[in-house]
Amino acid sequence: KVNSATKAVKEASRLKRENEKLERKRKLESEKAEKERIRKEMKETKEKQKQELKEKLEKEKQDKEKAKEEEKKKR
């Protein structure tokens, strides 16, 4: 009787340790996935900003050229 009780206690503590280990692993994977998502988001934002800046500079260049053409026509 004592032997089976001891076995049950040992089994319970083994299962508890196993569960804790799995929980830590799950938490780590979750944090890793979150970091990856944030990194990806930041990269996309950076690319978007780069593209917007490029478009803005291109538009300014076109506006300058248009202004030059208008100036030439006035003369």
Protein backbone atom coordinates (compact mmCIF):
# COMPACT_ATOMS: atom_id res chain seq x y z
CA LYS A 1 0.00 0.00 0.00
CA VAL A 2 2.77 2.45 0.94
CA ASN A 3 4.71 1.47 -2.17
CA SER A 4 1.80 2.28 -4.50
CA ALA A 5 1.21 5.61 -2.71
CA THR A 6 4.89 6.51 -3.12
CA LYS A 7 4.73 5.55 -6.80
CA ALA A 8 1.65 7.72 -7.25
CA VAL A 9 3.36 10.71 -5.58
CA LYS A 10 6.48 10.25 -7.71
CA GLU A 11 4.38 9.94 -10.86
CA ALA A 12 2.41 13.07 -9.94
CA SER A 13 5.57 15.12 -9.37
CA ARG A 14 7.08 13.78 -12.60
CA LEU A 15 3.96 14.84 -14.52
CA LYS A 16 4.04 18.24 -12.82
CA ARG A 17 7.67 18.78 -13.88
CA GLU A 18 6.84 17.66 -17.40
CA ASN A 19 3.92 20.09 -17.58
CA GLU A 20 6.06 22.95 -16.28
CA LYS A 21 8.70 22.14 -18.87
CA LEU A 22 6.08 22.16 -21.65
CA GLU A 23 4.64 25.45 -20.35
CA ARG A 24 8.09 27.08 -20.43
CA LYS A 25 8.63 25.77 -23.94
CA ARG A 26 5.23 27.07 -25.09
CA LYS A 27 5.88 30.46 -23.51
CA LEU A 28 9.28 30.70 -25.19
CA GLU A 29 7.83 29.81 -28.58
CA SER A 30 5.06 32.35 -28.09
CA GLU A 31 7.55 35.10 -27.22
CA LYS A 32 9.70 34.11 -30.19
CA ALA A 33 6.69 34.29 -32.52
CA GLU A 34 5.72 37.70 -31.09
CA LYS A 35 9.26 39.04 -31.62
CA GLU A 36 9.25 37.72 -35.18
CA ARG A 37 5.87 39.36 -35.86
CA ILE A 38 7.13 42.70 -34.50
CA ARG A 39 10.35 42.44 -36.52
CA LYS A 40 8.37 41.71 -39.67
CA GLU A 41 6.00 44.61 -38.98
CA MET A 42 8.91 47.00 -38.46
CA LYS A 43 10.54 45.83 -41.69
CA GLU A 44 7.28 46.36 -43.61
CA THR A 45 6.87 49.83 -42.06
CA LYS A 46 10.45 50.72 -43.00
CA GLU A 47 9.90 49.54 -46.59
CA LYS A 48 6.65 51.51 -46.79
CA GLN A 49 8.35 54.68 -45.49
CA LYS A 50 11.18 54.19 -47.97
CA GLN A 51 8.70 53.85 -50.84
CA GLU A 52 6.72 56.92 -49.70
CA LEU A 53 9.90 58.99 -49.49
CA LYS A 54 10.95 57.83 -52.94
CA GLU A 55 7.54 58.80 -54.36
CA LYS A 56 7.66 62.18 -52.60
CA LEU A 57 11.12 62.97 -53.99
CA GLU A 58 10.03 61.89 -57.47
CA LYS A 59 6.95 64.15 -57.27
CA GLU A 60 9.07 67.11 -56.09
CA LYS A 61 11.44 66.53 -59.00
CA GLN A 62 8.52 66.48 -61.46
CA ASP A 63 7.05 69.63 -59.89
CA LYS A 64 10.40 71.43 -60.26
CA GLU A 65 10.65 70.41 -63.90
CA LYS A 66 7.06 71.51 -64.49
CA ALA A 67 7.83 74.88 -62.88
CA LYS A 68 10.89 75.25 -65.13
CA GLU A 69 8.76 74.51 -68.20
CA GLU A 70 6.17 77.08 -67.08
CA GLU A 71 8.95 79.62 -66.57
CA LYS A 72 10.30 78.97 -70.07
CA LYS A 73 6.82 79.40 -71.58
CA LYS A 74 6.41 82.76 -69.82
CA ARG A 75 9.58 84.15 -71.38
